């Protein structure tokens, strides 16, 4: 399966649609959850093409920052959308992943664990 495969993309979107309001996941975290064949970079590529039904703003980088600040109009749209959901960013544009990062139920951050979905 490749990044251009609709099933590849839908697996990403399936999880992103589950991220609760006011919570985030990182690109790399999604790659861990989805397993082999997924990387932080390919997740970013897929998220760039997300439609209106996918809460794209809830996927951020591993530092707890938005990666789209200069790519969207208005600038910092992603951070503004997340702040409207209750995510708090510091003066450097970083949120506390310890507080706002979400993991799917019954999934632990364990690279040896097989993919949870599909």
C-alpha atoms as a PDB file:
ATOM      1  CA  UNK A   1       0.000   0.000   0.000  1.00  0.00           C
ATOM      2  CA  UNK A   2       1.338   3.456  -0.901  1.00  0.00           C
ATOM      3  CA  UNK A   3       0.580   6.992   0.209  1.00  0.00           C
ATOM      4  CA  UNK A   4      -1.539   7.529  -2.924  1.00  0.00           C
ATOM      5  CA  UNK A   5      -3.709   4.500  -2.147  1.00  0.00           C
ATOM      6  CA  UNK A   6      -7.161   5.591  -0.897  1.00  0.00           C
ATOM      7  CA  UNK A   7      -7.083   2.896   1.820  1.00  0.00           C
ATOM      8  CA  UNK A   8      -3.719   4.202   3.065  1.00  0.00           C
ATOM      9  CA  UNK A   9      -5.206   7.678   3.422  1.00  0.00           C
ATOM     10  CA  UNK A  10      -8.477   6.467   4.921  1.00  0.00           C
ATOM     11  CA  UNK A  11      -6.629   4.625   7.690  1.00  0.00           C
ATOM     12  CA  UNK A  12      -5.028   7.942   8.695  1.00  0.00           C
ATOM     13  CA  UNK A  13      -8.298   9.853   8.497  1.00  0.00           C
ATOM     14  CA  UNK A  14     -10.136   7.138  10.472  1.00  0.00           C
ATOM     15  CA  UNK A  15      -7.907   7.742  13.483  1.00  0.00           C
ATOM     16  CA  UNK A  16      -7.776  11.531  13.112  1.00  0.00           C
ATOM     17  CA  UNK A  17     -11.582  11.664  13.141  1.00  0.00           C
ATOM     18  CA  UNK A  18     -11.463   9.981  16.564  1.00  0.00           C
ATOM     19  CA  UNK A  19      -9.193  12.566  18.205  1.00  0.00           C
ATOM     20  CA  UNK A  20     -11.398  14.283  20.794  1.00  0.00           C
ATOM     21  CA  UNK A  21     -12.063  17.999  20.776  1.00  0.00           C
ATOM     22  CA  UNK A  22      -9.244  19.784  22.605  1.00  0.00           C
ATOM     23  CA  UNK A  23      -6.740  16.965  22.126  1.00  0.00           C
ATOM     24  CA  UNK A  24      -3.934  16.360  19.609  1.00  0.00           C
ATOM     25  CA  UNK A  25      -1.816  13.613  18.103  1.00  0.00           C
ATOM     26  CA  UNK A  26       1.579  14.010  16.465  1.00  0.00           C
ATOM     27  CA  UNK A  27       2.485  12.936  12.945  1.00  0.00           C
ATOM     28  CA  UNK A  28       4.949  10.400  14.329  1.00  0.00           C
ATOM     29  CA  UNK A  29       2.460   9.118  16.865  1.00  0.00           C
ATOM     30  CA  UNK A  30      -0.031   8.388  14.084  1.00  0.00           C
ATOM     31  CA  UNK A  31       2.716   6.518  12.233  1.00  0.00           C
ATOM     32  CA  UNK A  32       3.348   4.385  15.347  1.00  0.00           C
ATOM     33  CA  UNK A  33      -0.341   3.600  15.730  1.00  0.00           C
ATOM     34  CA  UNK A  34      -0.792   2.739  12.049  1.00  0.00           C
ATOM     35  CA  UNK A  35       2.352   0.622  11.870  1.00  0.00           C
ATOM     36  CA  UNK A  36       4.546  -0.510   9.024  1.00  0.00           C
ATOM     37  CA  UNK A  37       4.506   1.632   5.900  1.00  0.00           C
ATOM     38  CA  UNK A  38       3.588   4.846   7.721  1.00  0.00           C
ATOM     39  CA  UNK A  39       6.032   7.602   8.677  1.00  0.00           C
ATOM     40  CA  UNK A  40       5.635  11.062  10.155  1.00  0.00           C
ATOM     41  CA  UNK A  41       6.435  12.476   6.720  1.00  0.00           C
ATOM     42  CA  UNK A  42       3.787  10.425   4.899  1.00  0.00           C
ATOM     43  CA  UNK A  43       1.214  11.300   7.566  1.00  0.00           C
ATOM     44  CA  UNK A  44       1.964  14.983   6.900  1.00  0.00           C
ATOM     45  CA  UNK A  45       1.542  14.448   3.178  1.00  0.00           C
ATOM     46  CA  UNK A  46      -1.802  12.706   3.705  1.00  0.00           C
ATOM     47  CA  UNK A  47      -3.025  15.376   6.128  1.00  0.00           C
ATOM     48  CA  UNK A  48      -2.251  18.078   3.578  1.00  0.00           C
ATOM     49  CA  UNK A  49      -4.995  16.578   1.395  1.00  0.00           C
ATOM     50  CA  UNK A  50      -7.591  16.068   4.144  1.00  0.00           C
ATOM     51  CA  UNK A  51     -11.150  17.094   3.358  1.00  0.00           C
ATOM     52  CA  UNK A  52     -13.521  19.104   5.554  1.00  0.00           C
ATOM     53  CA  UNK A  53     -14.660  16.012   7.461  1.00  0.00           C
ATOM     54  CA  UNK A  54     -11.202  15.457   8.936  1.00  0.00           C
ATOM     55  CA  UNK A  55     -10.123  17.613  11.924  1.00  0.00           C
ATOM     56  CA  UNK A  56      -6.666  18.193  10.421  1.00  0.00           C
ATOM     57  CA  UNK A  57      -5.816  20.846  12.997  1.00  0.00           C
ATOM     58  CA  UNK A  58      -5.517  18.156  15.699  1.00  0.00           C
ATOM     59  CA  UNK A  59      -2.334  16.709  14.172  1.00  0.00           C
ATOM     60  CA  UNK A  60       0.819  18.576  15.191  1.00  0.00           C
ATOM     61  CA  UNK A  61       4.570  18.004  15.290  1.00  0.00           C
ATOM     62  CA  UNK A  62       6.531  16.108  17.918  1.00  0.00           C
ATOM     63  CA  UNK A  63       7.563  19.314  19.694  1.00  0.00           C
ATOM     64  CA  UNK A  64       3.928  20.159  20.405  1.00  0.00           C
ATOM     65  CA  UNK A  65       3.875  22.890  17.774  1.00  0.00           C
ATOM     66  CA  UNK A  66       1.801  23.529  14.688  1.00  0.00           C
ATOM     67  CA  UNK A  67       3.668  22.917  11.456  1.00  0.00           C
ATOM     68  CA  UNK A  68       1.286  24.836   9.228  1.00  0.00           C
ATOM     69  CA  UNK A  69       1.779  28.394  10.553  1.00  0.00           C
ATOM     70  CA  UNK A  70       3.135  29.820   7.330  1.00  0.00           C
ATOM     71  CA  UNK A  71       1.253  27.455   5.030  1.00  0.00           C
ATOM     72  CA  UNK A  72      -2.298  28.488   5.835  1.00  0.00           C
ATOM     73  CA  UNK A  73      -4.235  31.664   5.396  1.00  0.00           C
ATOM     74  CA  UNK A  74      -4.894  33.221   7.764  1.00  0.00           C
ATOM     75  CA  UNK A  75      -1.483  32.558   9.269  1.00  0.00           C
ATOM     76  CA  UNK A  76      -1.535  30.404  12.402  1.00  0.00           C
ATOM     77  CA  UNK A  77      -5.005  29.099  11.557  1.00  0.00           C
ATOM     78  CA  UNK A  78      -4.177  25.690  13.002  1.00  0.00           C
ATOM     79  CA  UNK A  79      -3.125  27.106  16.357  1.00  0.00           C
ATOM     80  CA  UNK A  80      -6.161  29.386  16.467  1.00  0.00           C
ATOM     81  CA  UNK A  81      -8.498  26.450  15.771  1.00  0.00           C
ATOM     82  CA  UNK A  82      -6.863  24.397  18.513  1.00  0.00           C
ATOM     83  CA  UNK A  83      -6.980  27.285  20.992  1.00  0.00           C
ATOM     84  CA  UNK A  84     -10.703  27.604  20.262  1.00  0.00           C
ATOM     85  CA  UNK A  85     -10.977  23.928  21.289  1.00  0.00           C
ATOM     86  CA  UNK A  86      -9.158  24.622  24.567  1.00  0.00           C
ATOM     87  CA  UNK A  87      -5.586  23.635  23.682  1.00  0.00           C
ATOM     88  CA  UNK A  88      -3.174  26.035  25.369  1.00  0.00           C
ATOM     89  CA  UNK A  89       0.038  27.153  23.659  1.00  0.00           C
ATOM     90  CA  UNK A  90       2.916  28.982  25.346  1.00  0.00           C
ATOM     91  CA  UNK A  91       4.640  32.096  24.005  1.00  0.00           C
ATOM     92  CA  UNK A  92       6.809  29.892  21.760  1.00  0.00           C
ATOM     93  CA  UNK A  93       3.754  28.277  20.151  1.00  0.00           C
ATOM     94  CA  UNK A  94       4.167  24.974  21.993  1.00  0.00           C
ATOM     95  CA  UNK A  95       1.441  22.983  23.753  1.00  0.00           C
ATOM     96  CA  UNK A  96       2.013  20.557  26.613  1.00  0.00           C
ATOM     97  CA  UNK A  97       1.835  17.113  25.007  1.00  0.00           C
ATOM     98  CA  UNK A  98       1.685  15.579  28.471  1.00  0.00           C
ATOM     99  CA  UNK A  99      -1.676  17.269  28.893  1.00  0.00           C
ATOM    100  CA  UNK A 100      -3.128  17.483  25.374  1.00  0.00           C
ATOM    101  CA  UNK A 101      -1.780  14.401  23.566  1.00  0.00           C
ATOM    102  CA  UNK A 102      -4.372  11.690  22.926  1.00  0.00           C
ATOM    103  CA  UNK A 103      -3.807   7.974  22.333  1.00  0.00           C
ATOM    104  CA  UNK A 104      -6.478   5.571  21.060  1.00  0.00           C
ATOM    105  CA  UNK A 105      -7.981   3.322  23.766  1.00  0.00           C
ATOM    106  CA  UNK A 106      -5.897   0.321  24.785  1.00  0.00           C
ATOM    107  CA  UNK A 107      -2.868   1.567  22.873  1.00  0.00           C
ATOM    108  CA  UNK A 108       0.378   2.200  24.665  1.00  0.00           C
ATOM    109  CA  UNK A 109       3.391   3.965  23.226  1.00  0.00           C
ATOM    110  CA  UNK A 110       5.204   0.715  22.499  1.00  0.00           C
ATOM    111  CA  UNK A 111       6.963   0.287  19.155  1.00  0.00           C
ATOM    112  CA  UNK A 112       6.772  -3.498  19.466  1.00  0.00           C
ATOM    113  CA  UNK A 113       2.963  -3.478  19.615  1.00  0.00           C
ATOM    114  CA  UNK A 114       1.265  -4.311  16.317  1.00  0.00           C
ATOM    115  CA  UNK A 115      -0.975  -1.835  14.576  1.00  0.00           C
ATOM    116  CA  UNK A 116      -4.261  -1.388  16.395  1.00  0.00           C
ATOM    117  CA  UNK A 117      -6.601  -0.812  13.464  1.00  0.00           C
ATOM    118  CA  UNK A 118      -7.458  -2.599  10.229  1.00  0.00           C
END
